[in-house]
N, C-alpha and C. Protein backbone atom coordinates (compact mmCIF):
# COMPACT_ATOMS: atom_id res chain seq x y z
N MET A 1 28.02 -43.22 -10.75
CA MET A 1 28.56 -41.88 -10.39
C MET A 1 27.95 -42.35 -8.96
N LYS A 2 28.48 -41.85 -7.44
CA LYS A 2 27.77 -41.78 -6.36
C LYS A 2 27.03 -40.71 -5.81
N THR A 3 26.05 -41.35 -5.51
CA THR A 3 24.80 -40.16 -4.85
C THR A 3 24.74 -40.60 -3.17
N LEU A 4 24.39 -39.52 -2.69
CA LEU A 4 23.93 -39.99 -1.29
C LEU A 4 23.13 -41.30 -0.61
N SER A 5 21.97 -41.53 -2.30
CA SER A 5 21.56 -42.44 -1.72
C SER A 5 22.40 -44.22 -1.79
N ASP A 6 23.53 -44.14 -2.27
CA ASP A 6 24.70 -45.15 -2.36
C ASP A 6 25.14 -45.19 -0.78
N LEU A 7 25.20 -43.59 -0.18
CA LEU A 7 25.83 -44.20 1.07
C LEU A 7 25.29 -43.85 2.52
N PHE A 8 23.68 -43.74 1.96
CA PHE A 8 22.85 -44.35 3.31
C PHE A 8 22.12 -45.14 3.13
N ALA A 9 21.58 -45.57 4.42
CA ALA A 9 20.82 -46.33 4.70
C ALA A 9 19.34 -45.89 4.23
N PRO A 10 18.36 -46.74 3.84
CA PRO A 10 16.41 -46.06 3.43
C PRO A 10 16.36 -45.67 4.72
N GLY A 11 15.79 -44.29 4.80
CA GLY A 11 15.05 -43.73 6.05
C GLY A 11 16.00 -42.88 6.41
N LYS A 12 17.70 -42.69 5.96
CA LYS A 12 18.38 -41.90 6.40
C LYS A 12 19.06 -41.15 5.59
N ARG A 13 18.89 -41.19 4.38
CA ARG A 13 19.39 -40.91 3.51
C ARG A 13 19.18 -39.24 3.00
N ARG A 14 18.18 -38.86 4.19
CA ARG A 14 18.10 -37.35 4.00
C ARG A 14 18.17 -36.97 5.54
N GLY A 15 18.80 -37.74 6.56
CA GLY A 15 18.93 -37.10 7.80
C GLY A 15 19.94 -36.56 8.03
N PRO A 16 20.26 -36.42 9.51
CA PRO A 16 21.37 -34.91 9.75
C PRO A 16 22.99 -35.66 8.76
N GLN A 17 23.24 -36.92 9.31
CA GLN A 17 24.31 -37.35 8.74
C GLN A 17 24.63 -37.14 7.38
N ALA A 18 23.68 -37.36 6.23
CA ALA A 18 23.63 -37.11 5.22
C ALA A 18 23.63 -35.81 4.45
N LEU A 19 23.04 -35.26 5.40
CA LEU A 19 23.02 -33.66 5.40
C LEU A 19 24.39 -33.14 5.37
N GLU A 20 24.88 -33.73 7.09
CA GLU A 20 26.47 -32.97 6.96
C GLU A 20 27.27 -33.58 5.57
N ARG A 21 26.79 -35.15 5.29
CA ARG A 21 27.45 -35.48 3.98
C ARG A 21 27.90 -34.61 2.96
N LEU A 22 26.84 -34.01 2.35
CA LEU A 22 26.55 -32.99 1.26
C LEU A 22 27.05 -31.99 1.80
N GLN A 23 26.65 -31.26 2.71
CA GLN A 23 27.43 -30.18 3.31
C GLN A 23 29.03 -29.94 2.86
N GLY A 24 29.54 -30.65 3.55
CA GLY A 24 30.82 -31.01 3.33
C GLY A 24 31.59 -31.28 1.98
N ALA A 25 30.51 -32.03 1.47
CA ALA A 25 31.13 -32.37 -0.52
C ALA A 25 31.17 -30.73 -1.23
N TYR A 26 29.85 -30.14 -0.60
CA TYR A 26 29.83 -28.81 -1.40
C TYR A 26 30.68 -28.07 -1.00
N GLU A 27 31.00 -28.06 0.61
CA GLU A 27 32.37 -26.96 0.73
C GLU A 27 33.71 -27.11 0.51
N ARG A 28 33.93 -28.68 0.14
CA ARG A 28 35.59 -29.09 -0.53
C ARG A 28 35.43 -28.31 -1.63
N LEU A 29 34.57 -28.99 -2.46
CA LEU A 29 34.42 -28.59 -3.98
C LEU A 29 34.48 -26.79 -4.25
N PHE A 30 33.17 -26.40 -3.56
CA PHE A 30 33.67 -24.85 -3.81
C PHE A 30 34.30 -23.65 -2.99
N PHE A 31 34.72 -24.35 -1.85
CA PHE A 31 35.25 -23.17 -1.12
C PHE A 31 36.70 -23.64 -0.35
N SER A 32 37.09 -24.73 -0.76
CA SER A 32 38.02 -24.88 0.03
C SER A 32 39.15 -26.11 -1.05
N CYS A 33 39.62 -27.11 -1.04
CA CYS A 33 40.45 -27.66 -1.67
C CYS A 33 40.04 -29.38 -1.48
N GLY A 34 40.70 -29.96 -1.68
CA GLY A 34 40.59 -31.56 -1.39
C GLY A 34 39.66 -32.10 -1.82
N ALA A 35 38.70 -31.90 -2.24
CA ALA A 35 37.23 -32.34 -2.90
C ALA A 35 37.63 -33.25 -3.75
N SER A 36 36.91 -34.74 -3.49
CA SER A 36 37.38 -35.90 -3.62
C SER A 36 36.14 -36.27 -5.30
N ILE A 37 36.76 -37.30 -5.88
CA ILE A 37 35.97 -37.61 -7.14
C ILE A 37 34.64 -38.05 -6.47
N GLU A 38 34.44 -38.72 -5.55
CA GLU A 38 33.22 -38.71 -4.84
C GLU A 38 32.13 -37.69 -4.43
N ASP A 39 33.02 -36.49 -3.92
CA ASP A 39 32.62 -35.39 -3.71
C ASP A 39 32.06 -34.79 -4.82
N GLN A 40 32.92 -34.94 -5.84
CA GLN A 40 32.41 -34.16 -6.99
C GLN A 40 31.24 -34.81 -7.51
N GLN A 41 30.81 -35.99 -7.42
CA GLN A 41 29.70 -37.17 -8.12
C GLN A 41 28.76 -36.78 -6.99
N ILE A 42 28.71 -36.33 -6.01
CA ILE A 42 27.73 -36.02 -5.15
C ILE A 42 27.05 -34.85 -5.12
N VAL A 43 28.03 -34.22 -4.92
CA VAL A 43 27.25 -32.80 -5.77
C VAL A 43 27.01 -32.69 -7.01
N LEU A 44 26.80 -32.84 -7.88
CA LEU A 44 26.83 -33.00 -9.08
C LEU A 44 24.88 -33.89 -9.27
N ALA A 45 25.45 -34.83 -8.88
CA ALA A 45 23.98 -35.63 -8.16
C ALA A 45 22.71 -34.86 -8.14
N ASP A 46 23.21 -33.95 -6.79
CA ASP A 46 22.23 -33.09 -6.16
C ASP A 46 21.90 -32.56 -6.86
N LEU A 47 22.57 -31.59 -7.62
CA LEU A 47 22.27 -30.50 -8.73
C LEU A 47 21.39 -30.43 -9.50
N ALA A 48 21.59 -32.02 -9.91
CA ALA A 48 20.92 -32.57 -11.15
C ALA A 48 19.80 -32.60 -10.70
N ALA A 49 19.57 -33.64 -9.41
CA ALA A 49 18.13 -33.38 -9.12
C ALA A 49 17.48 -32.54 -8.67
N TYR A 50 18.30 -31.70 -7.72
CA TYR A 50 17.74 -30.24 -7.33
C TYR A 50 16.80 -29.45 -8.41
N SER A 51 17.81 -29.20 -9.69
CA SER A 51 17.48 -28.42 -10.68
C SER A 51 16.11 -28.97 -11.54
N GLY A 52 16.05 -30.03 -11.63
CA GLY A 52 14.95 -31.19 -12.22
C GLY A 52 15.54 -30.78 -14.03
N HIS A 53 16.94 -31.06 -13.94
CA HIS A 53 17.20 -30.87 -15.25
C HIS A 53 17.24 -31.99 -16.58
N PHE A 54 16.70 -32.75 -15.40
CA PHE A 54 16.24 -33.63 -16.17
C PHE A 54 15.24 -34.36 -16.33
N PHE A 55 13.96 -33.48 -15.83
CA PHE A 55 12.82 -33.92 -15.44
C PHE A 55 11.92 -32.46 -15.74
N VAL A 56 10.74 -33.05 -16.43
CA VAL A 56 9.49 -32.03 -16.67
C VAL A 56 8.59 -32.06 -15.78
N ASP A 57 8.31 -30.86 -15.06
CA ASP A 57 6.55 -31.39 -14.28
C ASP A 57 6.15 -30.00 -14.12
N GLY A 58 5.41 -29.57 -14.88
CA GLY A 58 4.71 -28.05 -15.00
C GLY A 58 3.45 -27.88 -15.55
N ALA A 59 2.71 -29.24 -15.48
CA ALA A 59 1.62 -29.40 -16.03
C ALA A 59 0.52 -28.17 -14.66
N ASN A 60 1.01 -28.52 -13.74
CA ASN A 60 0.21 -27.68 -12.27
C ASN A 60 1.09 -26.40 -12.13
N SER A 61 2.12 -26.09 -12.47
CA SER A 61 2.72 -25.30 -12.17
C SER A 61 2.50 -23.77 -12.24
N SER A 62 2.93 -22.64 -11.52
CA SER A 62 2.37 -21.10 -11.50
C SER A 62 3.63 -20.86 -12.72
N ASP A 63 3.26 -19.37 -13.16
CA ASP A 63 4.16 -18.83 -14.43
C ASP A 63 5.35 -18.57 -13.44
N GLU A 64 5.57 -18.25 -12.26
CA GLU A 64 6.57 -17.80 -11.24
C GLU A 64 7.62 -19.07 -11.53
N GLU A 65 6.80 -20.18 -11.35
CA GLU A 65 7.52 -21.77 -10.71
C GLU A 65 8.34 -22.11 -11.90
N ILE A 66 7.27 -22.07 -12.76
CA ILE A 66 8.02 -22.45 -14.09
C ILE A 66 9.04 -21.73 -14.60
N ARG A 67 9.17 -19.86 -14.05
CA ARG A 67 10.62 -19.58 -14.47
C ARG A 67 11.47 -19.89 -14.01
N GLU A 68 11.35 -20.09 -12.68
CA GLU A 68 12.66 -20.74 -11.45
C GLU A 68 13.15 -22.28 -12.31
N ALA A 69 12.06 -23.05 -12.12
CA ALA A 69 12.13 -24.35 -13.09
C ALA A 69 13.34 -24.27 -13.97
N ASN A 70 12.93 -23.24 -15.15
CA ASN A 70 13.84 -23.09 -16.43
C ASN A 70 15.04 -22.50 -15.70
N GLY A 71 15.15 -21.32 -15.06
CA GLY A 71 16.97 -20.94 -14.26
C GLY A 71 17.49 -22.17 -13.35
N LYS A 72 16.86 -22.66 -12.53
CA LYS A 72 17.31 -23.97 -12.59
C LYS A 72 18.21 -24.95 -13.51
N ARG A 73 17.03 -25.01 -14.56
CA ARG A 73 18.08 -25.72 -15.48
C ARG A 73 18.93 -25.58 -16.77
N LEU A 74 18.86 -24.24 -16.68
CA LEU A 74 19.62 -23.51 -17.53
C LEU A 74 21.22 -23.35 -16.78
N ILE A 75 21.15 -23.16 -15.20
CA ILE A 75 22.02 -22.83 -14.31
C ILE A 75 22.82 -24.61 -15.01
N MET A 76 22.63 -25.66 -14.36
CA MET A 76 22.63 -26.69 -14.59
C MET A 76 23.38 -27.49 -16.37
N GLY A 77 22.61 -26.86 -17.06
CA GLY A 77 22.88 -27.10 -18.57
C GLY A 77 24.48 -26.34 -18.67
N ARG A 78 24.71 -25.31 -18.13
CA ARG A 78 25.98 -24.50 -18.33
C ARG A 78 26.99 -25.39 -17.42
N ILE A 79 26.91 -25.55 -16.26
CA ILE A 79 27.53 -26.45 -15.51
C ILE A 79 27.88 -27.99 -16.23
N ILE A 80 27.09 -28.74 -16.89
CA ILE A 80 27.69 -29.72 -17.57
C ILE A 80 27.94 -29.27 -19.00
N ARG A 81 27.53 -28.14 -19.67
CA ARG A 81 27.99 -28.39 -21.01
C ARG A 81 29.74 -27.89 -20.87
N LEU A 82 30.43 -27.35 -19.86
CA LEU A 82 31.58 -26.64 -19.71
C LEU A 82 32.22 -27.82 -18.41
N GLY A 83 31.07 -28.08 -17.93
CA GLY A 83 32.23 -29.61 -17.43
C GLY A 83 32.38 -30.29 -17.76
N LEU A 84 31.70 -31.08 -18.76
CA LEU A 84 31.55 -32.54 -19.66
C LEU A 84 32.09 -32.13 -21.11
N GLY A 85 31.76 -31.11 -21.42
CA GLY A 85 32.44 -30.68 -23.23
C GLY A 85 31.40 -31.08 -24.12
N LYS A 86 31.54 -30.91 -25.19
CA LYS A 86 30.52 -31.32 -26.12
C LYS A 86 30.01 -32.71 -25.94
N GLU A 87 31.28 -33.58 -26.13
CA GLU A 87 31.36 -34.79 -26.20
C GLU A 87 31.10 -35.64 -24.75
N GLY A 88 31.09 -34.83 -23.86
CA GLY A 88 30.58 -35.70 -22.91
C GLY A 88 29.60 -36.77 -22.21
N ASP A 89 29.54 -37.86 -22.04
CA ASP A 89 28.75 -38.83 -21.57
C ASP A 89 27.97 -38.17 -20.41
N LEU A 90 26.49 -37.49 -20.39
CA LEU A 90 25.30 -37.60 -19.33
C LEU A 90 24.69 -38.88 -18.91
N SER A 91 25.09 -40.36 -19.34
CA SER A 91 24.04 -41.25 -18.64
C SER A 91 24.82 -41.51 -17.47
N ALA A 92 25.36 -41.32 -16.82
CA ALA A 92 25.99 -41.46 -15.41
C ALA A 92 25.40 -40.40 -14.67
N LEU A 93 25.31 -39.65 -15.12
CA LEU A 93 24.51 -38.46 -14.01
C LEU A 93 23.12 -38.45 -14.46
N TYR A 94 22.45 -38.99 -15.68
CA TYR A 94 20.91 -38.66 -15.45
C TYR A 94 20.77 -39.79 -14.64
N LYS A 95 21.84 -40.80 -14.47
CA LYS A 95 20.62 -42.34 -13.96
C LYS A 95 20.97 -41.69 -12.19
N ALA A 96 22.20 -41.20 -11.63
CA ALA A 96 22.67 -40.28 -10.88
C ALA A 96 21.46 -39.66 -10.23
N ALA A 97 20.69 -38.70 -11.13
CA ALA A 97 19.60 -37.66 -10.80
C ALA A 97 18.33 -38.82 -10.51
N VAL A 98 18.23 -39.30 -11.48
CA VAL A 98 17.21 -40.28 -10.93
C VAL A 98 17.25 -41.09 -9.75
N LYS A 99 18.31 -41.32 -9.21
CA LYS A 99 18.28 -42.21 -8.40
C LYS A 99 18.20 -41.19 -6.76
N GLU A 100 18.37 -39.90 -7.42
CA GLU A 100 18.50 -39.04 -5.90
C GLU A 100 17.05 -38.85 -6.15
N THR A 101 16.29 -38.33 -7.35
CA THR A 101 15.32 -37.84 -7.12
C THR A 101 14.12 -38.90 -6.82
N GLN A 102 13.80 -40.09 -7.06
CA GLN A 102 13.10 -41.05 -6.58
C GLN A 102 13.63 -41.24 -4.97
N THR A 103 14.70 -41.30 -4.58
CA THR A 103 15.10 -41.17 -3.09
C THR A 103 14.56 -40.13 -2.01
N ASN A 104 14.72 -38.86 -2.99
CA ASN A 104 13.59 -37.56 -2.60
C ASN A 104 12.47 -38.11 -1.93
N GLN A 105 11.64 -38.63 -3.11
CA GLN A 105 10.06 -38.68 -2.94
C GLN A 105 9.59 -40.29 -2.04
N LYS A 106 10.93 -40.88 -1.86
CA LYS A 106 10.55 -42.15 -0.65
C LYS A 106 10.75 -41.39 0.31
N GLU A 107 11.88 -40.81 0.72
CA GLU A 107 11.97 -39.76 2.07
C GLU A 107 11.04 -39.33 2.68
N LYS A 108 10.39 -38.75 1.37
CA LYS A 108 9.37 -37.92 2.18
C LYS A 108 8.17 -38.61 2.47
N GLN A 109 8.05 -39.71 1.72
CA GLN A 109 6.65 -40.46 2.44
C GLN A 109 6.80 -41.13 3.31
N LEU A 110 8.72 -41.66 4.31
CA LEU A 110 8.29 -42.30 5.45
C LEU A 110 8.07 -41.65 6.30
């Protein structure tokens, strides 16, 4: 599964060109036509990382932050359930979400 981390060099994965690529993928997927498989994968990996669907980090969170995180996870769960079905393989999406989450953390440190 492709992610922005695969397409851009370290230090540029969250730069203007990466953001433009991500926005283009969302636009083609949701608001026009012609989304490629790569667009679909980039958007799914981004949503999985953004929603925190595979990760729990609520030890120091307020009640409001926990409610927001749970809402994000519910929406992502719905996309996964309806998109992949009961027999869908989440391993590629999980790996992509891990890669994007790690990249987000690394890019913040640069």
